[in-house]
Amino acid sequence: MAKVISFSSQKGGPGKTTMTLLLAAYLYGKGHRVLVFDADSPQHSFNMTRQQDIRKDAAGKSRVDRLLSAGHPLYPVSVTSVEELAASLAVLKTTKDADFILIDLPGTLNVPSIHSLARLIDVAIVPMELEMKSYMSGMETLDFYTHFSPDTKLGVVWTKLKSAHNTKLKKQLEVLMRERNSYVFTYALNETVTIGQRISSLFPLPEIEPFALELFNVSGLLSQ
């Protein structure tokens, strides 16, 4: 059965789509069978990045030509809604065509059928910035999953961290996260500007490998 991983937050902008793109490209690059559902309406940024990947230049070539010529089919990216996905995910999880299903959710939990969808997610990872609004929204997201989907394993990953940030405050907040049975990644996505300039849905960036290794080998989030 496919594992369902979602980057989720009650606030837009902490790095949900960036983390989804990075992890999807990493898993794909390692040979895993990946399905992605872009439910982040209305912008659908994941799908926009995929379209940039396959767009042909003036010479009639695209970034994915070398993948296709080498016999590597592109993993599917489906634009959908939370409501549509909630109605179909239980069946999709049983597919033999995917090892991992990644979901890019909207930056709000106030959408139809989000409670039903949450119960079908195996791992929910909350990207969080070290600022109060992002922290409060992130904690609301953790509380939502704890209440409505207690079987979903929870993780928190810091994003957009800067050297000037208060490390003492960070440690204090992490204590509160762990009290909600959430795994706090040691990995942090320290900057997103240059990553955003290089990001792809298909070509992995080295910045994500420590996170992926921790996800698989340390956190236990993906254990049966």
Protein backbone atom coordinates (compact mmCIF):
# COMPACT_ATOMS: atom_id res chain seq x y z
CA MET A 1 0.00 0.00 0.00
CA ALA A 2 1.28 3.44 -0.90
CA LYS A 3 2.36 5.77 1.90
CA VAL A 4 0.61 9.15 1.87
CA ILE A 5 2.75 12.13 2.88
CA SER A 6 1.43 15.66 3.07
CA PHE A 7 3.03 18.98 3.90
CA SER A 8 0.30 20.85 5.69
CA SER A 9 -0.21 24.22 7.35
CA GLN A 10 -2.96 26.55 8.41
CA LYS A 11 -0.89 29.40 6.92
CA GLY A 12 0.33 30.00 3.39
CA GLY A 13 3.99 30.68 2.70
CA PRO A 14 6.00 28.51 5.13
CA GLY A 15 7.29 26.24 2.36
CA LYS A 16 4.67 23.52 1.79
CA THR A 17 5.03 23.44 -1.98
CA THR A 18 8.80 23.84 -1.85
CA MET A 19 9.16 20.87 0.48
CA THR A 20 6.73 18.79 -1.59
CA LEU A 21 8.67 19.54 -4.77
CA LEU A 22 12.00 18.75 -3.15
CA LEU A 23 10.84 15.45 -1.65
CA ALA A 24 9.00 14.33 -4.78
CA ALA A 25 12.07 14.96 -6.94
CA TYR A 26 14.28 13.14 -4.44
CA LEU A 27 12.03 10.07 -4.28
CA TYR A 28 11.70 10.03 -8.07
CA GLY A 29 15.47 10.32 -8.46
CA LYS A 30 15.94 7.34 -6.15
CA GLY A 31 13.68 5.20 -8.32
CA HIS A 32 10.56 5.23 -6.15
CA ARG A 33 7.16 5.31 -7.82
CA VAL A 34 5.59 8.64 -6.97
CA LEU A 35 2.13 10.17 -7.40
CA VAL A 36 1.54 13.83 -6.61
CA PHE A 37 -1.79 15.52 -6.06
CA ASP A 38 -1.76 19.29 -6.20
CA ALA A 39 -4.76 20.39 -4.13
CA ASP A 40 -3.34 23.83 -3.35
CA SER A 41 -6.09 25.85 -5.00
CA PRO A 42 -6.20 28.31 -6.67
CA GLN A 43 -2.51 28.75 -7.51
CA HIS A 44 -1.53 25.07 -7.92
CA SER A 45 2.15 26.00 -7.73
CA PHE A 46 3.39 22.42 -7.90
CA ASN A 47 1.69 21.88 -11.22
CA MET A 48 3.04 25.21 -12.47
CA THR A 49 6.57 24.01 -11.75
CA ARG A 50 5.91 20.75 -13.59
CA GLN A 51 4.68 22.73 -16.61
CA GLN A 52 7.90 24.74 -16.54
CA ASP A 53 9.88 21.49 -16.50
CA ILE A 54 8.21 20.17 -19.64
CA ARG A 55 7.98 23.49 -21.52
CA LYS A 56 10.09 23.44 -24.66
CA ASP A 57 12.64 26.14 -25.42
CA ALA A 58 13.20 27.89 -28.74
CA ALA A 59 15.16 24.87 -29.99
CA GLY A 60 12.21 22.59 -29.28
CA LYS A 61 13.82 20.91 -26.29
CA SER A 62 12.67 20.69 -22.67
CA ARG A 63 14.39 19.85 -19.40
CA VAL A 64 12.83 16.39 -19.37
CA ASP A 65 13.97 15.23 -22.79
CA ARG A 66 16.99 13.45 -21.39
CA LEU A 67 14.81 11.62 -18.87
CA LEU A 68 12.36 10.46 -21.49
CA SER A 69 15.10 9.44 -23.90
CA ALA A 70 16.66 7.35 -21.12
CA GLY A 71 13.36 5.55 -20.59
CA HIS A 72 12.40 7.25 -17.34
CA PRO A 73 8.67 8.06 -17.42
CA LEU A 74 7.59 11.17 -15.58
CA TYR A 75 5.61 10.62 -12.41
CA PRO A 76 2.01 11.91 -12.61
CA VAL A 77 0.98 15.28 -11.17
CA SER A 78 -2.79 15.66 -10.83
CA VAL A 79 -4.52 18.97 -10.18
CA THR A 80 -7.40 18.31 -7.84
CA SER A 81 -9.35 19.64 -4.87
CA VAL A 82 -9.43 18.50 -1.26
CA GLU A 83 -13.02 17.35 -1.74
CA GLU A 84 -12.22 15.27 -4.84
CA LEU A 85 -9.15 13.75 -3.26
CA ALA A 86 -10.97 12.84 -0.05
CA ALA A 87 -13.44 10.83 -2.11
CA SER A 88 -10.78 8.86 -4.00
CA LEU A 89 -7.66 8.58 -1.84
CA ALA A 90 -8.69 5.39 0.00
CA VAL A 91 -8.74 3.54 -3.32
CA LEU A 92 -5.63 5.29 -4.63
CA LYS A 93 -3.65 4.13 -1.60
CA THR A 94 -4.16 0.52 -2.68
CA THR A 95 -2.62 1.10 -6.10
CA LYS A 96 0.33 -1.02 -7.11
CA ASP A 97 1.60 1.82 -9.28
CA ALA A 98 2.96 3.99 -6.45
CA ASP A 99 5.20 3.68 -3.43
CA PHE A 100 4.46 7.20 -2.24
CA ILE A 101 1.58 9.61 -2.70
CA LEU A 102 2.47 13.22 -1.96
CA ILE A 103 -0.21 15.86 -1.42
CA ASP A 104 0.27 19.62 -1.61
CA LEU A 105 -2.59 21.01 0.46
CA PRO A 106 -4.00 24.57 0.58
CA GLY A 107 -2.67 27.02 3.16
CA THR A 108 -5.86 26.66 5.20
CA LEU A 109 -7.75 23.89 6.96
CA ASN A 110 -11.06 25.62 6.39
CA VAL A 111 -11.99 23.69 3.25
CA PRO A 112 -14.70 21.07 2.57
CA SER A 113 -13.79 17.44 3.31
CA ILE A 114 -10.41 18.25 4.91
CA HIS A 115 -11.35 16.17 7.97
CA SER A 116 -12.09 13.10 5.82
CA LEU A 117 -8.88 13.57 3.84
CA ALA A 118 -6.77 13.98 6.98
CA ARG A 119 -7.78 10.52 8.20
CA LEU A 120 -6.26 9.00 5.05
CA ILE A 121 -2.87 10.71 5.42
CA ASP A 122 -0.13 8.55 6.92
CA VAL A 123 2.39 11.32 7.62
CA ALA A 124 1.63 15.04 7.94
CA ILE A 125 4.65 17.32 8.09
CA VAL A 126 4.16 20.93 9.13
CA PRO A 127 6.68 23.44 7.73
CA MET A 128 7.14 26.23 10.25
CA GLU A 129 8.98 29.54 10.30
CA LEU A 130 10.47 30.90 13.50
CA GLU A 131 8.00 33.74 13.83
CA MET A 132 4.88 33.91 15.96
CA LYS A 133 2.19 33.88 13.26
CA SER A 134 3.72 30.86 11.53
CA TYR A 135 4.22 29.12 14.89
CA MET A 136 0.62 29.65 15.99
CA SER A 137 -0.70 28.45 12.62
CA GLY A 138 1.58 25.44 12.77
CA MET A 139 0.40 24.51 16.25
CA GLU A 140 -3.21 24.84 15.10
CA THR A 141 -2.37 22.40 12.31
CA LEU A 142 -0.85 19.91 14.76
CA ASP A 143 -3.90 20.21 17.02
CA PHE A 144 -6.19 19.64 14.03
CA TYR A 145 -4.52 16.35 13.12
CA THR A 146 -4.29 15.25 16.75
CA HIS A 147 -8.04 15.77 17.16
CA PHE A 148 -9.42 14.61 13.82
CA SER A 149 -6.80 12.09 12.70
CA PRO A 150 -4.98 10.65 15.73
CA ASP A 151 -3.43 7.83 13.67
CA THR A 152 -1.59 10.26 11.38
CA LYS A 153 2.07 10.58 12.33
CA LEU A 154 3.14 14.19 12.75
CA GLY A 155 6.39 15.99 12.05
CA VAL A 156 7.60 19.59 12.08
CA VAL A 157 10.35 21.00 9.87
CA TRP A 158 11.78 24.48 10.32
CA THR A 159 12.00 26.60 7.17
CA LYS A 160 13.55 29.96 6.32
CA LEU A 161 15.77 29.84 9.39
CA LYS A 162 18.38 32.57 9.69
CA SER A 163 21.48 32.80 11.86
CA ALA A 164 19.97 35.80 13.65
CA HIS A 165 17.04 33.75 14.90
CA ASN A 166 16.69 33.11 18.63
CA THR A 167 17.91 29.56 19.19
CA LYS A 168 16.71 29.57 22.81
CA LEU A 169 13.17 30.39 21.67
CA LYS A 170 13.41 27.70 19.00
CA LYS A 171 14.24 25.06 21.61
CA GLN A 172 11.41 26.21 23.87
CA LEU A 173 8.90 25.95 21.02
CA GLU A 174 10.18 22.50 20.09
CA VAL A 175 9.33 21.26 23.58
CA LEU A 176 5.71 22.28 23.01
CA MET A 177 5.68 20.55 19.64
CA ARG A 178 6.94 17.29 21.11
CA GLU A 179 4.23 17.48 23.76
CA ARG A 180 1.81 17.08 20.83
CA ASN A 181 3.56 13.82 19.87
CA SER A 182 5.21 15.52 16.92
CA TYR A 183 8.65 14.60 15.62
CA VAL A 184 10.82 17.72 15.21
CA PHE A 185 13.33 17.31 12.42
CA THR A 186 16.92 18.27 13.13
CA TYR A 187 17.06 19.23 9.45
CA ALA A 188 16.03 22.79 8.64
CA LEU A 189 15.53 24.47 5.28
CA ASN A 190 17.60 27.55 5.98
CA GLU A 191 16.84 29.54 2.86
CA THR A 192 14.44 29.33 -0.04
CA VAL A 193 15.38 32.12 -2.47
CA THR A 194 18.14 30.35 -4.39
CA ILE A 195 16.30 27.04 -4.06
CA GLY A 196 13.25 28.64 -5.66
CA GLN A 197 15.41 29.66 -8.61
CA ARG A 198 16.66 26.10 -9.14
CA ILE A 199 13.73 23.99 -8.03
CA SER A 200 12.23 21.32 -10.25
CA SER A 201 9.57 18.66 -9.94
CA LEU A 202 11.95 16.11 -11.45
CA PHE A 203 15.58 16.99 -10.79
CA PRO A 204 16.53 16.60 -7.12
CA LEU A 205 18.52 19.26 -5.28
CA PRO A 206 21.17 18.23 -2.74
CA GLU A 207 19.61 20.43 -0.06
CA ILE A 208 16.79 17.93 0.50
CA GLU A 209 18.84 14.77 1.01
CA PRO A 210 19.47 15.25 4.78
CA PHE A 211 15.73 15.72 5.30
CA ALA A 212 14.86 12.63 3.26
CA LEU A 213 17.44 10.51 5.08
CA GLU A 214 16.08 11.67 8.42
CA LEU A 215 12.53 10.96 7.27
CA PHE A 216 13.43 7.41 6.31
CA ASN A 217 16.11 6.46 8.81
CA VAL A 218 15.75 8.51 11.96
CA SER A 219 12.26 9.77 12.53
CA GLY A 220 10.41 6.48 12.27
CA LEU A 221 7.54 8.36 10.64
CA LEU A 222 7.48 5.91 7.77
CA SER A 223 7.75 2.76 9.85
CA GLN A 224 4.89 0.31 9.64
